[in-house]
Amino acid sequence: MNARERDIEEDRFTASLAGLAMALLLSLIALFVIERLAAVSKLEDCLLQGRKNCQRIELSPGRGAPPPFSPSVRETSAAWSGRLSDVMR
């Protein structure tokens, strides 16, 4: 393999890596745009239904976040809700 063939092969390899990098970049951009469009669509659907509070509600805390209540508070609230339902019957 002479120097000219080696240069041609190196250029082809560089062009292939550049093409792969561009494809990955475009894929990431497409995923971001799709996610944003889905969020806007959900908000638009909510508003078209006539709702006033269309903000997203987080139901579970993120990873590593402390739980909102300690177990004893949960047990107490469960006990109170049971007593309340017994009283209402």
C-alpha atoms as a PDB file:
ATOM      1  CA  MET A   1       0.000   0.000   0.000  1.00  0.00           C
ATOM      2  CA  ASN A   2       1.572   3.275  -1.064  1.00  0.00           C
ATOM      3  CA  ALA A   3       1.145   6.667   0.566  1.00  0.00           C
ATOM      4  CA  ARG A   4      -1.593   7.806  -1.823  1.00  0.00           C
ATOM      5  CA  GLU A   5      -3.801   4.756  -1.155  1.00  0.00           C
ATOM      6  CA  ARG A   6      -3.255   5.152   2.591  1.00  0.00           C
ATOM      7  CA  ASP A   7      -4.337   8.823   2.408  1.00  0.00           C
ATOM      8  CA  ILE A   8      -7.452   7.878   0.439  1.00  0.00           C
ATOM      9  CA  GLU A   9      -8.370   5.201   2.996  1.00  0.00           C
ATOM     10  CA  GLU A  10      -7.786   7.606   5.919  1.00  0.00           C
ATOM     11  CA  ASP A  11      -9.979  10.223   4.233  1.00  0.00           C
ATOM     12  CA  ARG A  12     -12.731   7.633   3.695  1.00  0.00           C
ATOM     13  CA  PHE A  13     -12.524   6.576   7.353  1.00  0.00           C
ATOM     14  CA  THR A  14     -12.686  10.209   8.520  1.00  0.00           C
ATOM     15  CA  ALA A  15     -15.674  10.892   6.273  1.00  0.00           C
ATOM     16  CA  SER A  16     -17.450   7.788   7.610  1.00  0.00           C
ATOM     17  CA  LEU A  17     -16.911   8.880  11.217  1.00  0.00           C
ATOM     18  CA  ALA A  18     -18.135  12.382  10.406  1.00  0.00           C
ATOM     19  CA  GLY A  19     -21.256  10.912   8.775  1.00  0.00           C
ATOM     20  CA  LEU A  20     -21.922   8.712  11.796  1.00  0.00           C
ATOM     21  CA  ALA A  21     -21.499  11.668  14.158  1.00  0.00           C
ATOM     22  CA  MET A  22     -23.927  13.749  12.111  1.00  0.00           C
ATOM     23  CA  ALA A  23     -26.486  10.927  12.047  1.00  0.00           C
ATOM     24  CA  LEU A  24     -26.280  10.568  15.837  1.00  0.00           C
ATOM     25  CA  LEU A  25     -26.589  14.324  16.321  1.00  0.00           C
ATOM     26  CA  LEU A  26     -29.628  14.522  14.051  1.00  0.00           C
ATOM     27  CA  SER A  27     -31.215  11.567  15.880  1.00  0.00           C
ATOM     28  CA  LEU A  28     -30.783  13.275  19.253  1.00  0.00           C
ATOM     29  CA  ILE A  29     -32.234  16.519  17.912  1.00  0.00           C
ATOM     30  CA  ALA A  30     -35.197  14.601  16.440  1.00  0.00           C
ATOM     31  CA  LEU A  31     -35.885  12.886  19.772  1.00  0.00           C
ATOM     32  CA  PHE A  32     -35.803  16.231  21.580  1.00  0.00           C
ATOM     33  CA  VAL A  33     -38.186  17.816  19.070  1.00  0.00           C
ATOM     34  CA  ILE A  34     -40.573  14.837  19.237  1.00  0.00           C
ATOM     35  CA  GLU A  35     -40.646  15.018  23.038  1.00  0.00           C
ATOM     36  CA  ARG A  36     -41.361  18.755  23.001  1.00  0.00           C
ATOM     37  CA  LEU A  37     -44.110  18.348  20.400  1.00  0.00           C
ATOM     38  CA  ALA A  38     -45.758  15.635  22.507  1.00  0.00           C
ATOM     39  CA  ALA A  39     -45.705  17.903  25.572  1.00  0.00           C
ATOM     40  CA  VAL A  40     -47.190  20.806  23.625  1.00  0.00           C
ATOM     41  CA  SER A  41     -49.850  18.498  22.177  1.00  0.00           C
ATOM     42  CA  LYS A  42     -50.870  17.285  25.647  1.00  0.00           C
ATOM     43  CA  LEU A  43     -51.076  20.857  26.922  1.00  0.00           C
ATOM     44  CA  GLU A  44     -53.109  21.899  23.898  1.00  0.00           C
ATOM     45  CA  ASP A  45     -55.511  18.968  24.384  1.00  0.00           C
ATOM     46  CA  CYS A  46     -55.984  19.955  28.016  1.00  0.00           C
ATOM     47  CA  LEU A  47     -56.681  23.586  27.129  1.00  0.00           C
ATOM     48  CA  LEU A  48     -59.110  22.614  24.360  1.00  0.00           C
ATOM     49  CA  GLN A  49     -61.086  20.583  26.904  1.00  0.00           C
ATOM     50  CA  GLY A  50     -61.695  23.817  28.800  1.00  0.00           C
ATOM     51  CA  ARG A  51     -59.566  23.018  31.818  1.00  0.00           C
ATOM     52  CA  LYS A  52     -57.948  25.873  33.700  1.00  0.00           C
ATOM     53  CA  ASN A  53     -55.115  24.025  35.443  1.00  0.00           C
ATOM     54  CA  CYS A  54     -53.122  22.207  32.784  1.00  0.00           C
ATOM     55  CA  GLN A  55     -49.730  22.203  34.466  1.00  0.00           C
ATOM     56  CA  ARG A  56     -48.037  18.831  34.705  1.00  0.00           C
ATOM     57  CA  ILE A  57     -48.398  17.237  38.124  1.00  0.00           C
ATOM     58  CA  GLU A  58     -45.528  15.099  39.355  1.00  0.00           C
ATOM     59  CA  LEU A  59     -46.937  12.060  41.114  1.00  0.00           C
ATOM     60  CA  SER A  60     -43.712  10.518  42.326  1.00  0.00           C
ATOM     61  CA  PRO A  61     -40.560  12.208  43.592  1.00  0.00           C
ATOM     62  CA  GLY A  62     -37.382  11.973  41.574  1.00  0.00           C
ATOM     63  CA  ARG A  63     -34.703   9.443  42.320  1.00  0.00           C
ATOM     64  CA  GLY A  64     -32.794  10.140  45.478  1.00  0.00           C
ATOM     65  CA  ALA A  65     -35.442  12.514  46.817  1.00  0.00           C
ATOM     66  CA  PRO A  66     -36.738  11.841  50.315  1.00  0.00           C
ATOM     67  CA  PRO A  67     -40.301  10.510  50.560  1.00  0.00           C
ATOM     68  CA  PRO A  68     -42.908  13.218  51.221  1.00  0.00           C
ATOM     69  CA  PHE A  69     -44.027  11.640  54.502  1.00  0.00           C
ATOM     70  CA  SER A  70     -42.381   9.348  56.987  1.00  0.00           C
ATOM     71  CA  PRO A  71     -43.932   5.875  57.428  1.00  0.00           C
ATOM     72  CA  SER A  72     -45.449   6.870  60.772  1.00  0.00           C
ATOM     73  CA  VAL A  73     -47.340   9.742  59.149  1.00  0.00           C
ATOM     74  CA  ARG A  74     -48.675   7.401  56.487  1.00  0.00           C
ATOM     75  CA  GLU A  75     -49.844   4.911  59.105  1.00  0.00           C
ATOM     76  CA  THR A  76     -51.510   7.682  61.113  1.00  0.00           C
ATOM     77  CA  SER A  77     -53.293   9.074  58.077  1.00  0.00           C
ATOM     78  CA  ALA A  78     -54.447   5.570  57.089  1.00  0.00           C
ATOM     79  CA  ALA A  79     -55.748   5.015  60.617  1.00  0.00           C
ATOM     80  CA  TRP A  80     -57.580   8.344  60.573  1.00  0.00           C
ATOM     81  CA  SER A  81     -59.107   7.692  57.165  1.00  0.00           C
ATOM     82  CA  GLY A  82     -60.345   4.295  58.380  1.00  0.00           C
ATOM     83  CA  ARG A  83     -61.888   5.862  61.473  1.00  0.00           C
ATOM     84  CA  LEU A  84     -63.485   8.584  59.426  1.00  0.00           C
ATOM     85  CA  SER A  85     -65.047   6.116  57.036  1.00  0.00           C
ATOM     86  CA  ASP A  86     -66.329   4.054  59.981  1.00  0.00           C
ATOM     87  CA  VAL A  87     -67.928   7.166  61.496  1.00  0.00           C
ATOM     88  CA  MET A  88     -69.558   8.159  58.202  1.00  0.00           C
ATOM     89  CA  ARG A  89     -71.255   4.759  57.774  1.00  0.00           C
END
